[in-house]
Amino acid sequence: MSIEDNYPVRLSVERPERFDRSQVFLRLLILIAISIVAAFAWLLTLAYLALPIAAAAFISRDGADKFRTATAPRLRRWLHWVVAFDSYFTFLSDRMPTEKPEETATFEVTLGGQPTTGSALMRLLTSIPSAFVLALLSIAATITAFVAGVFILLREDYPDALYRFHLGVVRWGARLLAYHSSLVDAYPPFDLDMGDNPGTRTPQPSNA
């Protein structure tokens, strides 16, 4: 049984039958542009700090019930965009999320718990262990993304083991984002879930 059956955050991405070589160059150009206009580490730090603080501010203003029914769905939608872009840049999908993130990745969050201002702010500390492991995994995923890009240029596909590893890293990040934003109470499991779920396909062997 996949851990996705038990955890309230679920992610799936439909793998293309053949990856588009031109998308490799598009990703590269976008990443170069990002590195020019902003310090990427600074942006990640800002996002890490901003999510719990914003959640705490909304909970303090509106209360837990209104946060769950009004604010949390909007926040979940914004996180869907983040996860969709992550899926695109890690070569899980060739669909850039320009209009609808659900066209790139399925991101489901079962909202729950009784968040408080204090519990939201505490996630600045409690998220650190999971965020540290995710940072290490992301370094590995960045390196293997270059390997995947080379395979796609040569074969229009890349090894299933790498695809599953990238899927596991993006799932880890998606669960941490939901927890870090007080959308769920359950702590993200320390489990690199690389299993199948609806929305992924069994890769077909290349004819090359």
N, C-alpha and C. Protein backbone atom coordinates (compact mmCIF):
# COMPACT_ATOMS: atom_id res chain seq x y z
N MET A 1 0.85 -1.20 0.00
CA MET A 1 0.00 0.00 0.00
C MET A 1 0.87 1.24 0.00
N SER A 2 0.59 2.18 -0.89
CA SER A 2 1.34 3.41 -0.95
C SER A 2 1.00 4.29 0.25
N ILE A 3 2.00 5.05 0.68
CA ILE A 3 1.76 5.96 1.79
C ILE A 3 0.75 7.03 1.42
N GLU A 4 0.55 7.23 0.10
CA GLU A 4 -0.43 8.21 -0.36
C GLU A 4 -1.85 7.82 0.07
N ASP A 5 -2.08 6.55 0.37
CA ASP A 5 -3.40 6.10 0.78
C ASP A 5 -3.74 6.58 2.19
N ASN A 6 -2.72 6.92 2.98
CA ASN A 6 -2.93 7.26 4.37
C ASN A 6 -2.68 8.73 4.68
N TYR A 7 -1.92 9.43 3.86
CA TYR A 7 -1.59 10.82 4.15
C TYR A 7 -2.56 11.75 3.41
N PRO A 8 -2.95 12.87 4.03
CA PRO A 8 -4.00 13.72 3.44
C PRO A 8 -3.56 14.59 2.27
N VAL A 9 -2.32 14.44 1.79
CA VAL A 9 -1.86 15.18 0.62
C VAL A 9 -1.48 14.18 -0.45
N ARG A 10 -2.02 14.35 -1.66
CA ARG A 10 -1.78 13.41 -2.74
C ARG A 10 -1.34 14.17 -4.00
N LEU A 11 -0.36 13.60 -4.68
CA LEU A 11 0.16 14.22 -5.90
C LEU A 11 0.35 13.16 -6.97
N SER A 12 -0.07 13.47 -8.18
CA SER A 12 0.21 12.61 -9.32
C SER A 12 0.47 13.47 -10.54
N VAL A 13 1.31 12.97 -11.43
CA VAL A 13 1.67 13.69 -12.65
C VAL A 13 1.61 12.71 -13.80
N GLU A 14 0.97 13.11 -14.89
CA GLU A 14 0.89 12.24 -16.06
C GLU A 14 2.17 12.33 -16.86
N ARG A 15 2.84 11.20 -17.01
CA ARG A 15 4.10 11.18 -17.74
C ARG A 15 3.84 11.17 -19.25
N PRO A 16 4.49 12.05 -20.00
CA PRO A 16 4.29 12.06 -21.46
C PRO A 16 4.75 10.75 -22.09
N GLU A 17 4.10 10.39 -23.19
CA GLU A 17 4.55 9.22 -23.94
C GLU A 17 5.95 9.45 -24.47
N ARG A 18 6.22 10.66 -24.96
CA ARG A 18 7.55 11.08 -25.42
C ARG A 18 7.76 12.51 -24.97
N PHE A 19 8.91 12.77 -24.35
CA PHE A 19 9.22 14.13 -23.93
C PHE A 19 9.63 14.98 -25.14
N ASP A 20 9.31 16.26 -25.08
CA ASP A 20 9.62 17.19 -26.16
C ASP A 20 11.02 17.77 -25.94
N ARG A 21 11.92 17.57 -26.90
CA ARG A 21 13.30 18.06 -26.76
C ARG A 21 13.35 19.57 -26.58
N SER A 22 12.46 20.28 -27.25
CA SER A 22 12.50 21.75 -27.18
C SER A 22 12.23 22.26 -25.77
N GLN A 23 11.48 21.45 -24.98
CA GLN A 23 11.18 21.87 -23.62
C GLN A 23 12.42 21.87 -22.74
N VAL A 24 13.43 21.08 -23.09
CA VAL A 24 14.69 21.09 -22.34
C VAL A 24 15.34 22.46 -22.44
N PHE A 25 15.38 23.00 -23.66
CA PHE A 25 15.98 24.31 -23.86
C PHE A 25 15.14 25.41 -23.22
N LEU A 26 13.82 25.26 -23.26
CA LEU A 26 12.95 26.25 -22.64
C LEU A 26 13.18 26.30 -21.14
N ARG A 27 13.29 25.14 -20.51
CA ARG A 27 13.57 25.11 -19.08
C ARG A 27 14.89 25.81 -18.76
N LEU A 28 15.90 25.52 -19.59
CA LEU A 28 17.22 26.10 -19.36
C LEU A 28 17.18 27.62 -19.44
N LEU A 29 16.48 28.14 -20.43
CA LEU A 29 16.38 29.59 -20.59
C LEU A 29 15.65 30.23 -19.41
N ILE A 30 14.59 29.59 -18.96
CA ILE A 30 13.84 30.12 -17.82
C ILE A 30 14.69 30.13 -16.57
N LEU A 31 15.43 29.05 -16.34
CA LEU A 31 16.29 28.99 -15.16
C LEU A 31 17.39 30.03 -15.21
N ILE A 32 17.94 30.28 -16.38
CA ILE A 32 18.95 31.33 -16.53
C ILE A 32 18.35 32.69 -16.21
N ALA A 33 17.13 32.92 -16.69
CA ALA A 33 16.46 34.19 -16.41
C ALA A 33 16.21 34.37 -14.92
N ILE A 34 15.78 33.30 -14.26
CA ILE A 34 15.54 33.38 -12.82
C ILE A 34 16.82 33.69 -12.06
N SER A 35 17.91 33.06 -12.46
CA SER A 35 19.19 33.28 -11.77
C SER A 35 19.68 34.70 -11.96
N ILE A 36 19.29 35.35 -13.05
CA ILE A 36 19.72 36.72 -13.31
C ILE A 36 18.91 37.72 -12.50
N VAL A 37 17.61 37.53 -12.43
CA VAL A 37 16.75 38.55 -11.81
C VAL A 37 16.61 38.39 -10.30
N ALA A 38 16.98 37.24 -9.74
CA ALA A 38 16.79 37.05 -8.30
C ALA A 38 17.78 36.04 -7.76
N ALA A 39 18.07 36.19 -6.50
CA ALA A 39 18.89 35.20 -5.80
C ALA A 39 17.96 34.08 -5.36
N PHE A 40 18.12 32.89 -5.93
CA PHE A 40 17.16 31.81 -5.73
C PHE A 40 17.07 31.40 -4.26
N ALA A 41 18.21 31.32 -3.58
CA ALA A 41 18.20 30.92 -2.17
C ALA A 41 17.43 31.94 -1.34
N TRP A 42 17.56 33.22 -1.70
CA TRP A 42 16.84 34.27 -0.98
C TRP A 42 15.34 34.09 -1.15
N LEU A 43 14.91 33.73 -2.36
CA LEU A 43 13.48 33.53 -2.61
C LEU A 43 12.95 32.34 -1.80
N LEU A 44 13.74 31.27 -1.74
CA LEU A 44 13.31 30.10 -0.98
C LEU A 44 13.19 30.43 0.51
N THR A 45 14.16 31.19 1.01
CA THR A 45 14.10 31.59 2.42
C THR A 45 12.88 32.45 2.70
N LEU A 46 12.59 33.38 1.78
CA LEU A 46 11.43 34.24 1.94
C LEU A 46 10.14 33.41 1.96
N ALA A 47 10.04 32.44 1.04
CA ALA A 47 8.84 31.60 0.99
C ALA A 47 8.71 30.78 2.26
N TYR A 48 9.83 30.26 2.76
CA TYR A 48 9.80 29.44 3.98
C TYR A 48 9.27 30.26 5.15
N LEU A 49 9.71 31.50 5.26
CA LEU A 49 9.27 32.36 6.36
C LEU A 49 7.86 32.87 6.15
N ALA A 50 7.52 33.17 4.89
CA ALA A 50 6.25 33.85 4.62
C ALA A 50 5.03 32.96 4.83
N LEU A 51 5.12 31.67 4.47
CA LEU A 51 3.95 30.81 4.53
C LEU A 51 3.38 30.66 5.94
N PRO A 52 4.19 30.28 6.95
CA PRO A 52 3.62 30.16 8.29
C PRO A 52 3.17 31.51 8.86
N ILE A 53 3.91 32.57 8.56
CA ILE A 53 3.53 33.89 9.07
C ILE A 53 2.20 34.34 8.47
N ALA A 54 2.04 34.11 7.16
CA ALA A 54 0.78 34.48 6.51
C ALA A 54 -0.37 33.65 7.07
N ALA A 55 -0.14 32.34 7.26
CA ALA A 55 -1.19 31.48 7.82
C ALA A 55 -1.56 31.95 9.22
N ALA A 56 -0.55 32.27 10.02
CA ALA A 56 -0.81 32.73 11.38
C ALA A 56 -1.61 34.03 11.38
N ALA A 57 -1.28 34.93 10.46
CA ALA A 57 -2.00 36.20 10.38
C ALA A 57 -3.46 35.99 10.02
N PHE A 58 -3.72 35.11 9.06
CA PHE A 58 -5.11 34.84 8.65
C PHE A 58 -5.89 34.15 9.77
N ILE A 59 -5.24 33.19 10.46
CA ILE A 59 -5.91 32.49 11.55
C ILE A 59 -6.22 33.46 12.67
N SER A 60 -5.27 34.35 12.98
CA SER A 60 -5.49 35.34 14.03
C SER A 60 -6.64 36.27 13.69
N ARG A 61 -6.74 36.64 12.42
CA ARG A 61 -7.79 37.58 12.01
C ARG A 61 -9.16 36.92 11.90
N ASP A 62 -9.19 35.71 11.31
CA ASP A 62 -10.47 35.10 10.95
C ASP A 62 -10.90 33.95 11.85
N GLY A 63 -9.94 33.36 12.59
CA GLY A 63 -10.26 32.17 13.36
C GLY A 63 -10.03 30.91 12.53
N ALA A 64 -9.93 29.77 13.22
CA ALA A 64 -9.60 28.51 12.56
C ALA A 64 -10.67 28.08 11.57
N ASP A 65 -11.94 28.24 11.91
CA ASP A 65 -13.02 27.76 11.04
C ASP A 65 -13.02 28.51 9.71
N LYS A 66 -12.93 29.83 9.76
CA LYS A 66 -12.94 30.60 8.51
C LYS A 66 -11.67 30.37 7.72
N PHE A 67 -10.56 30.15 8.43
CA PHE A 67 -9.31 29.85 7.73
C PHE A 67 -9.47 28.59 6.90
N ARG A 68 -10.07 27.54 7.49
CA ARG A 68 -10.24 26.27 6.77
C ARG A 68 -11.20 26.40 5.61
N THR A 69 -12.28 27.16 5.78
CA THR A 69 -13.33 27.19 4.75
C THR A 69 -13.09 28.25 3.67
N ALA A 70 -12.38 29.33 4.00
CA ALA A 70 -12.22 30.42 3.04
C ALA A 70 -10.78 30.61 2.59
N THR A 71 -9.86 30.72 3.54
CA THR A 71 -8.47 31.03 3.19
C THR A 71 -7.71 29.80 2.70
N ALA A 72 -7.88 28.67 3.39
CA ALA A 72 -7.12 27.47 3.04
C ALA A 72 -7.34 27.01 1.60
N PRO A 73 -8.58 27.02 1.08
CA PRO A 73 -8.73 26.62 -0.33
C PRO A 73 -7.98 27.53 -1.30
N ARG A 74 -7.95 28.84 -1.01
CA ARG A 74 -7.19 29.75 -1.88
C ARG A 74 -5.69 29.49 -1.75
N LEU A 75 -5.24 29.24 -0.54
CA LEU A 75 -3.83 28.94 -0.34
C LEU A 75 -3.46 27.62 -1.01
N ARG A 76 -4.35 26.65 -0.94
CA ARG A 76 -4.10 25.36 -1.61
C ARG A 76 -3.97 25.57 -3.11
N ARG A 77 -4.79 26.45 -3.67
CA ARG A 77 -4.71 26.73 -5.10
C ARG A 77 -3.36 27.34 -5.46
N TRP A 78 -2.86 28.26 -4.63
CA TRP A 78 -1.57 28.87 -4.89
C TRP A 78 -0.45 27.83 -4.80
N LEU A 79 -0.54 26.96 -3.81
CA LEU A 79 0.46 25.90 -3.68
C LEU A 79 0.42 24.94 -4.85
N HIS A 80 -0.77 24.77 -5.43
CA HIS A 80 -0.89 23.91 -6.62
C HIS A 80 -0.02 24.45 -7.74
N TRP A 81 0.00 25.77 -7.91
CA TRP A 81 0.86 26.38 -8.92
C TRP A 81 2.33 26.08 -8.63
N VAL A 82 2.73 26.20 -7.36
CA VAL A 82 4.12 25.94 -6.98
C VAL A 82 4.50 24.50 -7.30
N VAL A 83 3.64 23.56 -6.93
CA VAL A 83 3.91 22.14 -7.17
C VAL A 83 3.93 21.84 -8.67
N ALA A 84 3.05 22.49 -9.42
CA ALA A 84 3.00 22.26 -10.87
C ALA A 84 4.29 22.73 -11.54
N PHE A 85 4.78 23.91 -11.15
CA PHE A 85 6.04 24.39 -11.72
C PHE A 85 7.19 23.48 -11.32
N ASP A 86 7.18 22.99 -10.07
CA ASP A 86 8.21 22.06 -9.63
C ASP A 86 8.17 20.79 -10.47
N SER A 87 6.97 20.30 -10.77
CA SER A 87 6.82 19.10 -11.59
C SER A 87 7.37 19.33 -13.00
N TYR A 88 7.14 20.51 -13.52
CA TYR A 88 7.63 20.82 -14.87
C TYR A 88 9.15 20.87 -14.91
N PHE A 89 9.75 21.56 -13.96
CA PHE A 89 11.19 21.75 -13.99
C PHE A 89 11.97 20.51 -13.59
N THR A 90 11.33 19.55 -12.96
CA THR A 90 12.00 18.29 -12.65
C THR A 90 11.68 17.21 -13.68
N PHE A 91 11.17 17.61 -14.82
CA PHE A 91 10.92 16.70 -15.95
C PHE A 91 9.90 15.62 -15.64
N LEU A 92 8.91 15.95 -14.81
CA LEU A 92 7.81 15.01 -14.62
C LEU A 92 6.75 15.19 -15.69
N SER A 93 6.65 16.38 -16.23
CA SER A 93 5.65 16.68 -17.25
C SER A 93 6.21 17.71 -18.22
N ASP A 94 5.72 17.68 -19.46
CA ASP A 94 6.10 18.69 -20.44
C ASP A 94 5.08 19.82 -20.52
N ARG A 95 4.06 19.78 -19.69
CA ARG A 95 3.03 20.81 -19.69
C ARG A 95 3.41 21.93 -18.71
N MET A 96 3.83 23.08 -19.26
CA MET A 96 4.11 24.20 -18.39
C MET A 96 2.79 24.76 -17.86
N PRO A 97 2.68 24.99 -16.55
CA PRO A 97 1.40 25.47 -15.97
C PRO A 97 1.20 26.95 -16.21
N THR A 98 0.84 27.32 -17.43
CA THR A 98 0.65 28.73 -17.76
C THR A 98 -0.76 29.21 -17.42
N GLU A 99 -1.74 28.32 -17.45
CA GLU A 99 -3.12 28.71 -17.18
C GLU A 99 -3.75 27.91 -16.05
N LYS A 100 -3.66 26.59 -16.13
CA LYS A 100 -4.29 25.72 -15.15
C LYS A 100 -3.25 24.75 -14.60
N PRO A 101 -2.92 24.83 -13.31
CA PRO A 101 -1.91 23.92 -12.76
C PRO A 101 -2.32 22.46 -12.81
N GLU A 102 -3.64 22.20 -12.79
CA GLU A 102 -4.11 20.81 -12.82
C GLU A 102 -3.80 20.13 -14.15
N GLU A 103 -3.49 20.90 -15.20
CA GLU A 103 -3.09 20.29 -16.45
C GLU A 103 -1.67 19.73 -16.39
N THR A 104 -0.91 20.18 -15.40
CA THR A 104 0.46 19.70 -15.21
C THR A 104 0.54 18.62 -14.15
N ALA A 105 -0.11 18.85 -13.00
CA ALA A 105 -0.02 17.90 -11.89
C ALA A 105 -1.32 17.91 -11.10
N THR A 106 -1.70 16.76 -10.60
CA THR A 106 -2.85 16.65 -9.70
C THR A 106 -2.35 16.83 -8.27
N PHE A 107 -2.89 17.82 -7.57
CA PHE A 107 -2.47 18.13 -6.20
C PHE A 107 -3.71 18.18 -5.33
N GLU A 108 -3.88 17.18 -4.48
CA GLU A 108 -5.07 17.09 -3.65
C GLU A 108 -4.67 17.20 -2.18
N VAL A 109 -5.38 18.03 -1.45
CA VAL A 109 -5.12 18.20 -0.02
C VAL A 109 -6.44 18.06 0.73
N THR A 110 -6.52 17.11 1.63
CA THR A 110 -7.69 16.99 2.49
C THR A 110 -7.48 17.90 3.70
N LEU A 111 -8.13 19.05 3.68
CA LEU A 111 -7.94 20.03 4.73
C LEU A 111 -8.44 19.49 6.05
N GLY A 112 -7.71 19.78 7.13
CA GLY A 112 -8.12 19.27 8.42
C GLY A 112 -7.36 19.89 9.56
N GLY A 113 -7.72 19.53 10.76
CA GLY A 113 -7.05 20.03 11.94
C GLY A 113 -7.71 21.28 12.50
N GLN A 114 -7.17 21.76 13.60
CA GLN A 114 -7.63 22.98 14.25
C GLN A 114 -6.45 23.92 14.39
N PRO A 115 -6.06 24.58 13.31
CA PRO A 115 -4.87 25.44 13.36
C PRO A 115 -5.09 26.65 14.26
N THR A 116 -4.02 27.03 14.94
CA THR A 116 -4.03 28.23 15.77
C THR A 116 -2.89 29.12 15.33
N THR A 117 -2.90 30.35 15.80
CA THR A 117 -1.82 31.26 15.46
C THR A 117 -0.48 30.70 15.94
N GLY A 118 -0.48 30.16 17.16
CA GLY A 118 0.76 29.60 17.70
C GLY A 118 1.24 28.38 16.94
N SER A 119 0.32 27.49 16.59
CA SER A 119 0.73 26.27 15.87
C SER A 119 1.25 26.61 14.48
N ALA A 120 0.68 27.64 13.84
CA ALA A 120 1.16 28.05 12.52
C ALA A 120 2.59 28.58 12.61
N LEU A 121 2.86 29.40 13.61
CA LEU A 121 4.20 29.96 13.77
C LEU A 121 5.21 28.89 14.18
N MET A 122 4.77 27.90 14.94
CA MET A 122 5.67 26.83 15.37
C MET A 122 6.21 26.03 14.19
N ARG A 123 5.51 26.08 13.07
CA ARG A 123 5.97 25.31 11.91
C ARG A 123 7.24 25.88 11.31
N LEU A 124 7.58 27.11 11.68
CA LEU A 124 8.88 27.63 11.30
C LEU A 124 10.00 26.77 11.89
N LEU A 125 9.73 26.14 13.04
CA LEU A 125 10.71 25.27 13.69
C LEU A 125 10.47 23.80 13.37
N THR A 126 9.21 23.37 13.47
CA THR A 126 8.94 21.94 13.30
C THR A 126 9.17 21.47 11.86
N SER A 127 9.11 22.38 10.90
CA SER A 127 9.33 21.99 9.50
C SER A 127 10.80 21.82 9.16
N ILE A 128 11.70 22.28 10.04
CA ILE A 128 13.13 22.28 9.71
C ILE A 128 13.67 20.89 9.36
N PRO A 129 13.40 19.83 10.14
CA PRO A 129 13.95 18.52 9.77
C PRO A 129 13.54 18.06 8.38
N SER A 130 12.25 18.19 8.06
CA SER A 130 11.78 17.77 6.75
C SER A 130 12.36 18.67 5.66
N ALA A 131 12.45 19.97 5.92
CA ALA A 131 13.00 20.91 4.93
C ALA A 131 14.47 20.63 4.68
N PHE A 132 15.20 20.24 5.72
CA PHE A 132 16.63 19.93 5.56
C PHE A 132 16.82 18.72 4.65
N VAL A 133 16.03 17.68 4.89
CA VAL A 133 16.12 16.49 4.04
C VAL A 133 15.70 16.84 2.61
N LEU A 134 14.63 17.64 2.46
CA LEU A 134 14.19 18.04 1.14
C LEU A 134 15.28 18.82 0.40
N ALA A 135 16.02 19.66 1.11
CA ALA A 135 17.10 20.41 0.48
C ALA A 135 18.16 19.47 -0.09
N LEU A 136 18.50 18.43 0.69
CA LEU A 136 19.48 17.45 0.21
C LEU A 136 18.94 16.69 -1.01
N LEU A 137 17.68 16.28 -0.92
CA LEU A 137 17.07 15.58 -2.05
C LEU A 137 16.99 16.47 -3.28
N SER A 138 16.73 17.75 -3.07
CA SER A 138 16.60 18.68 -4.19
C SER A 138 17.93 18.88 -4.90
N ILE A 139 19.02 18.85 -4.14
CA ILE A 139 20.34 18.94 -4.77
C ILE A 139 20.55 17.75 -5.71
N ALA A 140 20.21 16.56 -5.18
CA ALA A 140 20.34 15.36 -6.01
C ALA A 140 19.41 15.42 -7.21
N ALA A 141 18.18 15.94 -7.00
CA ALA A 141 17.22 16.02 -8.10
C ALA A 141 17.68 17.02 -9.16
N THR A 142 18.34 18.09 -8.73
CA THR A 142 18.86 19.06 -9.70
C THR A 142 19.93 18.44 -10.57
N ILE A 143 20.81 17.67 -9.95
CA ILE A 143 21.87 17.01 -10.71
C ILE A 143 21.27 15.99 -11.68
N THR A 144 20.35 15.17 -11.19
CA THR A 144 19.77 14.15 -12.06
C THR A 144 18.83 14.74 -13.10
N ALA A 145 18.34 15.96 -12.87
CA ALA A 145 17.52 16.62 -13.90
C ALA A 145 18.36 16.92 -15.14
N PHE A 146 19.63 17.28 -14.94
CA PHE A 146 20.52 17.48 -16.08
C PHE A 146 20.72 16.17 -16.83
N VAL A 147 20.85 15.08 -16.08
CA VAL A 147 20.99 13.77 -16.70
C VAL A 147 19.73 13.43 -17.49
N ALA A 148 18.56 13.71 -16.89
CA ALA A 148 17.30 13.45 -17.59
C ALA A 148 17.21 14.28 -18.86
N GLY A 149 17.67 15.54 -18.80
CA GLY A 149 17.64 16.39 -19.97
C GLY A 149 18.46 15.84 -21.11
N VAL A 150 19.63 15.28 -20.80
CA VAL A 150 20.48 14.69 -21.83
C VAL A 150 19.79 13.48 -22.45
N PHE A 151 19.19 12.63 -21.61
CA PHE A 151 18.47 11.47 -22.13
C PHE A 151 17.33 11.90 -23.05
N ILE A 152 16.61 12.94 -22.65
CA ILE A 152 15.47 13.40 -23.46
C ILE A 152 15.96 13.92 -24.81
N LEU A 153 17.08 14.64 -24.83
CA LEU A 153 17.62 15.13 -26.08
C LEU A 153 18.02 13.98 -27.01
N LEU A 154 18.46 12.88 -26.42
CA LEU A 154 18.90 11.75 -27.22
C LEU A 154 17.77 10.78 -27.57
N ARG A 155 16.84 10.58 -26.60
CA ARG A 155 15.85 9.50 -26.76
C ARG A 155 14.40 9.95 -26.61
N GLU A 156 14.17 11.22 -26.27
CA GLU A 156 12.84 11.74 -25.98
C GLU A 156 12.20 11.04 -24.78
N ASP A 157 13.00 10.52 -23.89
CA ASP A 157 12.53 9.88 -22.67
C ASP A 157 13.73 9.72 -21.75
N TYR A 158 13.50 9.33 -20.52
CA TYR A 158 14.63 9.07 -19.62
C TYR A 158 14.26 7.94 -18.67
N PRO A 159 15.25 7.33 -18.00
CA PRO A 159 15.01 6.11 -17.24
C PRO A 159 13.91 6.25 -16.19
N ASP A 160 13.15 5.19 -16.05
CA ASP A 160 12.04 5.18 -15.11
C ASP A 160 12.51 5.41 -13.67
N ALA A 161 13.69 4.90 -13.32
CA ALA A 161 14.19 5.06 -11.96
C ALA A 161 14.39 6.54 -11.62
N LEU A 162 14.88 7.31 -12.58
CA LEU A 162 15.06 8.75 -12.37
C LEU A 162 13.71 9.45 -12.27
N TYR A 163 12.78 9.05 -13.12
CA TYR A 163 11.45 9.66 -13.08
C TYR A 163 10.80 9.44 -11.72
N ARG A 164 10.89 8.22 -11.22
CA ARG A 164 10.28 7.93 -9.92
C ARG A 164 10.98 8.68 -8.79
N PHE A 165 12.29 8.84 -8.90
CA PHE A 165 13.01 9.61 -7.89
C PHE A 165 12.54 11.06 -7.89
N HIS A 166 12.42 11.67 -9.07
CA HIS A 166 11.95 13.05 -9.16
C HIS A 166 10.52 13.17 -8.62
N LEU A 167 9.68 12.18 -8.92
CA LEU A 167 8.31 12.18 -8.41
C LEU A 167 8.30 12.14 -6.89
N GLY A 168 9.17 11.31 -6.32
CA GLY A 168 9.25 11.22 -4.87
C GLY A 168 9.69 12.53 -4.23
N VAL A 169 10.64 13.22 -4.85
CA VAL A 169 11.12 14.49 -4.31
C VAL A 169 10.03 15.55 -4.37
N VAL A 170 9.32 15.61 -5.50
CA VAL A 170 8.25 16.60 -5.63
C VAL A 170 7.12 16.29 -4.66
N ARG A 171 6.80 15.01 -4.46
CA ARG A 171 5.78 14.65 -3.47
C ARG A 171 6.21 15.08 -2.07
N TRP A 172 7.48 14.86 -1.75
CA TRP A 172 7.98 15.28 -0.43
C TRP A 172 7.75 16.78 -0.25
N GLY A 173 8.12 17.55 -1.28
CA GLY A 173 7.95 18.99 -1.20
C GLY A 173 6.49 19.40 -1.10
N ALA A 174 5.61 18.72 -1.82
CA ALA A 174 4.19 19.05 -1.80
C ALA A 174 3.61 18.83 -0.41
N ARG A 175 3.98 17.74 0.23
CA ARG A 175 3.48 17.45 1.58
C ARG A 175 4.01 18.46 2.59
N LEU A 176 5.29 18.81 2.44
CA LEU A 176 5.87 19.79 3.35
C LEU A 176 5.20 21.15 3.19
N LEU A 177 4.92 21.56 1.95
CA LEU A 177 4.25 22.83 1.71
C LEU A 177 2.88 22.87 2.39
N ALA A 178 2.12 21.78 2.25
CA ALA A 178 0.80 21.75 2.86
C ALA A 178 0.87 21.82 4.38
N TYR A 179 1.81 21.08 4.95
CA TYR A 179 1.99 21.11 6.41
C TYR A 179 2.49 22.49 6.85
N HIS A 180 3.47 23.02 6.15
CA HIS A 180 4.10 24.29 6.51
C HIS A 180 3.10 25.44 6.46
N SER A 181 2.05 25.29 5.62
CA SER A 181 1.03 26.33 5.46
C SER A 181 -0.18 26.11 6.36
N SER A 182 -0.11 25.11 7.25
CA SER A 182 -1.20 24.79 8.19
C SER A 182 -2.46 24.28 7.49
N LEU A 183 -2.29 23.69 6.30
CA LEU A 183 -3.45 23.09 5.64
C LEU A 183 -3.76 21.72 6.22
N VAL A 184 -2.74 21.05 6.76
CA VAL A 184 -2.92 19.74 7.40
C VAL A 184 -2.14 19.74 8.72
N ASP A 185 -2.57 18.90 9.64
CA ASP A 185 -1.88 18.78 10.92
C ASP A 185 -0.83 17.68 10.93
N ALA A 186 -1.05 16.64 10.12
CA ALA A 186 -0.14 15.50 10.13
C ALA A 186 1.23 15.90 9.60
N TYR A 187 2.27 15.52 10.34
CA TYR A 187 3.63 15.85 9.91
C TYR A 187 3.99 15.03 8.67
N PRO A 188 4.67 15.65 7.69
CA PRO A 188 5.03 14.90 6.48
C PRO A 188 5.90 13.70 6.81
N PRO A 189 5.56 12.54 6.29
CA PRO A 189 6.35 11.34 6.59
C PRO A 189 7.74 11.41 5.96
N PHE A 190 8.72 10.87 6.65
CA PHE A 190 10.08 10.79 6.10
C PHE A 190 10.14 9.55 5.22
N ASP A 191 9.52 9.67 4.07
CA ASP A 191 9.38 8.55 3.15
C ASP A 191 9.40 9.09 1.73
N LEU A 192 10.39 8.66 0.95
CA LEU A 192 10.49 9.10 -0.44
C LEU A 192 9.55 8.24 -1.27
N ASP A 193 8.29 8.66 -1.34
CA ASP A 193 7.24 7.87 -1.99
C ASP A 193 7.39 7.96 -3.50
N MET A 194 7.88 6.87 -4.10
CA MET A 194 8.09 6.83 -5.55
C MET A 194 7.12 5.87 -6.23
N GLY A 195 6.06 5.48 -5.52
CA GLY A 195 5.11 4.51 -6.06
C GLY A 195 4.16 5.10 -7.06
N ASP A 196 3.48 4.23 -7.79
CA ASP A 196 2.48 4.65 -8.77
C ASP A 196 1.22 5.12 -8.07
N ASN A 197 0.46 5.96 -8.75
CA ASN A 197 -0.90 6.32 -8.33
C ASN A 197 -1.62 6.80 -9.57
N PRO A 198 -2.95 7.00 -9.52
CA PRO A 198 -3.67 7.45 -10.70
C PRO A 198 -3.07 8.74 -11.25
N GLY A 199 -2.88 8.75 -12.57
CA GLY A 199 -2.31 9.93 -13.19
C GLY A 199 -0.90 9.67 -13.72
N THR A 200 -0.25 8.62 -13.23
CA THR A 200 1.05 8.25 -13.77
C THR A 200 0.88 7.04 -14.68
N ARG A 201 1.78 6.90 -15.59
CA ARG A 201 1.67 5.78 -16.51
C ARG A 201 2.87 4.87 -16.36
N THR A 202 2.72 3.66 -16.82
CA THR A 202 3.87 2.78 -16.93
C THR A 202 4.64 3.14 -18.18
N PRO A 203 5.90 3.59 -18.05
CA PRO A 203 6.63 4.07 -19.22
C PRO A 203 6.82 2.98 -20.26
N GLN A 204 6.68 3.37 -21.51
CA GLN A 204 6.86 2.43 -22.61
C GLN A 204 8.31 2.42 -23.05
N PRO A 205 8.83 1.28 -23.47
CA PRO A 205 10.23 1.24 -23.90
C PRO A 205 10.44 2.10 -25.14
N SER A 206 11.61 2.73 -25.19
CA SER A 206 11.93 3.59 -26.33
C SER A 206 12.24 2.74 -27.54
N ASN A 207 11.89 3.27 -28.72
CA ASN A 207 12.19 2.57 -29.97
C ASN A 207 13.57 2.92 -30.49
N ALA A 208 14.21 3.91 -29.79
CA ALA A 208 15.53 4.34 -30.25
C ALA A 208 16.56 3.25 -29.99
